[in-house]
Amino acid sequence: MVDKQAVIKRLKKVEGQIKGIEKMIEEEKFCEDILIQIAAARAALNSIGGLILENYVKNCIYKVSEGELKEEELNKVLETVIKYAKK
């Protein structure tokens, strides 16, 4: 099971990054600096998403299927991964 508190802590950090980006825009900081902070926030969200996706596959799909994924379950996992990976 995913460590809920760890995920929430990471989300709070991303929230702080977003607020920092808002402040940078309000203060008319350099575009390059803003873009770097946006990239950092995006990377943090991708990391969180990866943890949740891993948990989904290991605990929500694999355990329910008792270690044997049927084609329907595998298609559901692939559909979720594709939706997650789209930008």
N, C-alpha and C. Protein backbone atom coordinates (compact mmCIF):
# COMPACT_ATOMS: atom_id res chain seq x y z
N MET A 1 0.84 -1.19 0.00
CA MET A 1 0.00 0.00 0.00
C MET A 1 0.88 1.24 0.00
N VAL A 2 0.49 2.22 -0.76
CA VAL A 2 1.24 3.46 -0.85
C VAL A 2 1.18 4.18 0.50
N ASP A 3 2.29 4.80 0.87
CA ASP A 3 2.37 5.55 2.13
C ASP A 3 1.63 6.88 1.93
N LYS A 4 0.40 6.92 2.41
CA LYS A 4 -0.45 8.08 2.19
C LYS A 4 0.17 9.36 2.74
N GLN A 5 0.76 9.30 3.91
CA GLN A 5 1.36 10.49 4.51
C GLN A 5 2.53 11.00 3.68
N ALA A 6 3.33 10.08 3.13
CA ALA A 6 4.46 10.49 2.29
C ALA A 6 3.96 11.18 1.02
N VAL A 7 2.89 10.64 0.43
CA VAL A 7 2.33 11.24 -0.78
C VAL A 7 1.77 12.63 -0.47
N ILE A 8 1.05 12.74 0.64
CA ILE A 8 0.49 14.04 1.02
C ILE A 8 1.61 15.05 1.27
N LYS A 9 2.69 14.61 1.91
CA LYS A 9 3.83 15.50 2.16
C LYS A 9 4.41 16.00 0.84
N ARG A 10 4.55 15.10 -0.12
CA ARG A 10 5.06 15.49 -1.43
C ARG A 10 4.12 16.46 -2.14
N LEU A 11 2.81 16.20 -2.02
CA LEU A 11 1.84 17.10 -2.64
C LEU A 11 1.88 18.49 -2.02
N LYS A 12 2.08 18.55 -0.72
CA LYS A 12 2.21 19.86 -0.05
C LYS A 12 3.44 20.60 -0.58
N LYS A 13 4.51 19.85 -0.83
CA LYS A 13 5.72 20.47 -1.38
C LYS A 13 5.44 21.05 -2.77
N VAL A 14 4.72 20.29 -3.59
CA VAL A 14 4.36 20.78 -4.93
C VAL A 14 3.46 22.01 -4.81
N GLU A 15 2.55 21.97 -3.86
CA GLU A 15 1.68 23.14 -3.63
C GLU A 15 2.52 24.38 -3.32
N GLY A 16 3.55 24.20 -2.50
CA GLY A 16 4.46 25.31 -2.20
C GLY A 16 5.20 25.79 -3.43
N GLN A 17 5.62 24.83 -4.28
CA GLN A 17 6.29 25.21 -5.51
C GLN A 17 5.37 26.03 -6.41
N ILE A 18 4.11 25.63 -6.51
CA ILE A 18 3.15 26.35 -7.34
C ILE A 18 2.94 27.76 -6.80
N LYS A 19 2.81 27.88 -5.50
CA LYS A 19 2.65 29.21 -4.90
C LYS A 19 3.89 30.07 -5.17
N GLY A 20 5.06 29.44 -5.12
CA GLY A 20 6.29 30.15 -5.44
C GLY A 20 6.32 30.62 -6.88
N ILE A 21 5.81 29.81 -7.79
CA ILE A 21 5.74 30.19 -9.20
C ILE A 21 4.78 31.37 -9.37
N GLU A 22 3.65 31.32 -8.69
CA GLU A 22 2.70 32.44 -8.75
C GLU A 22 3.38 33.73 -8.31
N LYS A 23 4.13 33.64 -7.22
CA LYS A 23 4.83 34.83 -6.69
C LYS A 23 5.86 35.33 -7.68
N MET A 24 6.58 34.40 -8.32
CA MET A 24 7.58 34.79 -9.30
C MET A 24 6.94 35.54 -10.46
N ILE A 25 5.78 35.08 -10.88
CA ILE A 25 5.08 35.74 -11.98
C ILE A 25 4.61 37.13 -11.55
N GLU A 26 4.05 37.20 -10.33
CA GLU A 26 3.61 38.50 -9.82
C GLU A 26 4.78 39.49 -9.74
N GLU A 27 5.95 38.98 -9.37
CA GLU A 27 7.13 39.84 -9.22
C GLU A 27 7.90 40.02 -10.53
N GLU A 28 7.36 39.46 -11.60
CA GLU A 28 7.94 39.56 -12.94
C GLU A 28 9.40 39.09 -12.98
N LYS A 29 9.62 37.92 -12.39
CA LYS A 29 10.96 37.31 -12.43
C LYS A 29 11.27 36.86 -13.85
N PHE A 30 12.53 36.49 -14.08
CA PHE A 30 12.95 36.05 -15.41
C PHE A 30 12.20 34.79 -15.84
N CYS A 31 11.80 34.77 -17.10
CA CYS A 31 11.06 33.63 -17.65
C CYS A 31 11.83 32.32 -17.47
N GLU A 32 13.13 32.37 -17.67
CA GLU A 32 13.95 31.16 -17.53
C GLU A 32 13.81 30.58 -16.13
N ASP A 33 13.85 31.42 -15.11
CA ASP A 33 13.72 30.96 -13.73
C ASP A 33 12.33 30.37 -13.46
N ILE A 34 11.32 31.00 -14.02
CA ILE A 34 9.95 30.49 -13.86
C ILE A 34 9.81 29.13 -14.52
N LEU A 35 10.34 29.00 -15.72
CA LEU A 35 10.25 27.72 -16.44
C LEU A 35 10.98 26.61 -15.71
N ILE A 36 12.09 26.92 -15.09
CA ILE A 36 12.83 25.92 -14.31
C ILE A 36 11.98 25.44 -13.13
N GLN A 37 11.30 26.37 -12.48
CA GLN A 37 10.45 25.99 -11.35
C GLN A 37 9.23 25.19 -11.81
N ILE A 38 8.69 25.52 -12.96
CA ILE A 38 7.58 24.75 -13.52
C ILE A 38 8.03 23.32 -13.82
N ALA A 39 9.23 23.19 -14.39
CA ALA A 39 9.77 21.86 -14.69
C ALA A 39 9.97 21.06 -13.40
N ALA A 40 10.43 21.72 -12.34
CA ALA A 40 10.63 21.03 -11.07
C ALA A 40 9.30 20.55 -10.48
N ALA A 41 8.26 21.39 -10.56
CA ALA A 41 6.94 21.01 -10.06
C ALA A 41 6.37 19.85 -10.87
N ARG A 42 6.55 19.92 -12.19
CA ARG A 42 6.06 18.84 -13.05
C ARG A 42 6.77 17.52 -12.73
N ALA A 43 8.08 17.59 -12.52
CA ALA A 43 8.85 16.39 -12.18
C ALA A 43 8.38 15.80 -10.85
N ALA A 44 8.09 16.66 -9.89
CA ALA A 44 7.61 16.20 -8.59
C ALA A 44 6.25 15.51 -8.74
N LEU A 45 5.37 16.09 -9.53
CA LEU A 45 4.06 15.47 -9.77
C LEU A 45 4.20 14.14 -10.49
N ASN A 46 5.11 14.08 -11.46
CA ASN A 46 5.34 12.82 -12.17
C ASN A 46 5.84 11.74 -11.21
N SER A 47 6.68 12.12 -10.28
CA SER A 47 7.19 11.17 -9.29
C SER A 47 6.06 10.64 -8.41
N ILE A 48 5.20 11.54 -7.97
CA ILE A 48 4.05 11.14 -7.15
C ILE A 48 3.13 10.23 -7.96
N GLY A 49 2.88 10.60 -9.19
CA GLY A 49 2.05 9.78 -10.06
C GLY A 49 2.63 8.40 -10.26
N GLY A 50 3.94 8.32 -10.39
CA GLY A 50 4.60 7.02 -10.53
C GLY A 50 4.40 6.14 -9.32
N LEU A 51 4.48 6.71 -8.13
CA LEU A 51 4.24 5.95 -6.90
C LEU A 51 2.82 5.41 -6.85
N ILE A 52 1.88 6.27 -7.21
CA ILE A 52 0.47 5.86 -7.17
C ILE A 52 0.19 4.82 -8.24
N LEU A 53 0.79 4.98 -9.41
CA LEU A 53 0.61 4.00 -10.48
C LEU A 53 1.20 2.65 -10.08
N GLU A 54 2.38 2.67 -9.47
CA GLU A 54 3.00 1.43 -8.98
C GLU A 54 2.09 0.75 -7.96
N ASN A 55 1.54 1.53 -7.04
CA ASN A 55 0.62 0.99 -6.05
C ASN A 55 -0.61 0.39 -6.71
N TYR A 56 -1.13 1.08 -7.72
CA TYR A 56 -2.30 0.61 -8.45
C TYR A 56 -2.04 -0.76 -9.07
N VAL A 57 -0.91 -0.90 -9.72
CA VAL A 57 -0.59 -2.17 -10.39
C VAL A 57 -0.36 -3.27 -9.35
N LYS A 58 0.43 -2.98 -8.32
CA LYS A 58 0.79 -4.01 -7.33
C LYS A 58 -0.36 -4.40 -6.43
N ASN A 59 -1.12 -3.42 -5.98
CA ASN A 59 -2.12 -3.70 -4.97
C ASN A 59 -3.55 -3.74 -5.48
N CYS A 60 -3.87 -2.93 -6.43
CA CYS A 60 -5.24 -2.87 -6.91
C CYS A 60 -5.51 -3.90 -8.01
N ILE A 61 -4.51 -4.24 -8.77
CA ILE A 61 -4.70 -5.17 -9.88
C ILE A 61 -4.10 -6.54 -9.56
N TYR A 62 -2.82 -6.56 -9.24
CA TYR A 62 -2.12 -7.83 -9.08
C TYR A 62 -2.71 -8.66 -7.95
N LYS A 63 -2.93 -8.08 -6.80
CA LYS A 63 -3.47 -8.84 -5.67
C LYS A 63 -4.90 -9.29 -5.92
N VAL A 64 -5.70 -8.44 -6.53
CA VAL A 64 -7.08 -8.80 -6.83
C VAL A 64 -7.12 -9.98 -7.79
N SER A 65 -6.19 -10.00 -8.72
CA SER A 65 -6.18 -11.08 -9.72
C SER A 65 -5.44 -12.31 -9.22
N GLU A 66 -4.99 -12.28 -7.96
CA GLU A 66 -4.28 -13.40 -7.33
C GLU A 66 -3.04 -13.80 -8.11
N GLY A 67 -2.32 -12.81 -8.62
CA GLY A 67 -1.05 -13.05 -9.27
C GLY A 67 -1.14 -13.41 -10.74
N GLU A 68 -2.33 -13.53 -11.25
CA GLU A 68 -2.49 -13.88 -12.66
C GLU A 68 -3.39 -12.86 -13.34
N LEU A 69 -2.78 -12.02 -14.16
CA LEU A 69 -3.56 -10.99 -14.85
C LEU A 69 -4.27 -11.59 -16.06
N LYS A 70 -5.55 -11.36 -16.12
CA LYS A 70 -6.32 -11.78 -17.28
C LYS A 70 -6.22 -10.67 -18.31
N GLU A 71 -6.55 -10.97 -19.54
CA GLU A 71 -6.42 -9.99 -20.61
C GLU A 71 -7.22 -8.73 -20.31
N GLU A 72 -8.43 -8.88 -19.77
CA GLU A 72 -9.27 -7.72 -19.45
C GLU A 72 -8.60 -6.84 -18.40
N GLU A 73 -8.01 -7.45 -17.38
CA GLU A 73 -7.33 -6.69 -16.33
C GLU A 73 -6.08 -6.02 -16.88
N LEU A 74 -5.34 -6.72 -17.71
CA LEU A 74 -4.14 -6.16 -18.32
C LEU A 74 -4.50 -4.96 -19.19
N ASN A 75 -5.57 -5.07 -19.95
CA ASN A 75 -6.01 -3.95 -20.78
C ASN A 75 -6.38 -2.74 -19.93
N LYS A 76 -7.00 -2.99 -18.78
CA LYS A 76 -7.35 -1.90 -17.87
C LYS A 76 -6.09 -1.21 -17.35
N VAL A 77 -5.07 -1.99 -17.00
CA VAL A 77 -3.81 -1.42 -16.53
C VAL A 77 -3.18 -0.59 -17.64
N LEU A 78 -3.11 -1.14 -18.83
CA LEU A 78 -2.51 -0.42 -19.96
C LEU A 78 -3.27 0.87 -20.27
N GLU A 79 -4.59 0.83 -20.20
CA GLU A 79 -5.39 2.02 -20.45
C GLU A 79 -5.08 3.10 -19.41
N THR A 80 -4.94 2.69 -18.17
CA THR A 80 -4.61 3.65 -17.11
C THR A 80 -3.22 4.24 -17.32
N VAL A 81 -2.26 3.41 -17.68
CA VAL A 81 -0.89 3.89 -17.92
C VAL A 81 -0.88 4.88 -19.08
N ILE A 82 -1.60 4.58 -20.13
CA ILE A 82 -1.65 5.47 -21.30
C ILE A 82 -2.29 6.80 -20.92
N LYS A 83 -3.37 6.78 -20.16
CA LYS A 83 -4.01 8.02 -19.72
C LYS A 83 -3.05 8.84 -18.86
N TYR A 84 -2.34 8.15 -17.97
CA TYR A 84 -1.40 8.83 -17.08
C TYR A 84 -0.24 9.46 -17.87
N ALA A 85 0.23 8.74 -18.88
CA ALA A 85 1.41 9.19 -19.63
C ALA A 85 1.13 10.34 -20.58
N LYS A 86 -0.14 10.52 -20.96
CA LYS A 86 -0.47 11.62 -21.88
C LYS A 86 -0.21 12.96 -21.21
N LYS A 87 0.24 13.90 -22.01
CA LYS A 87 0.55 15.23 -21.47
C LYS A 87 -0.45 16.23 -21.93
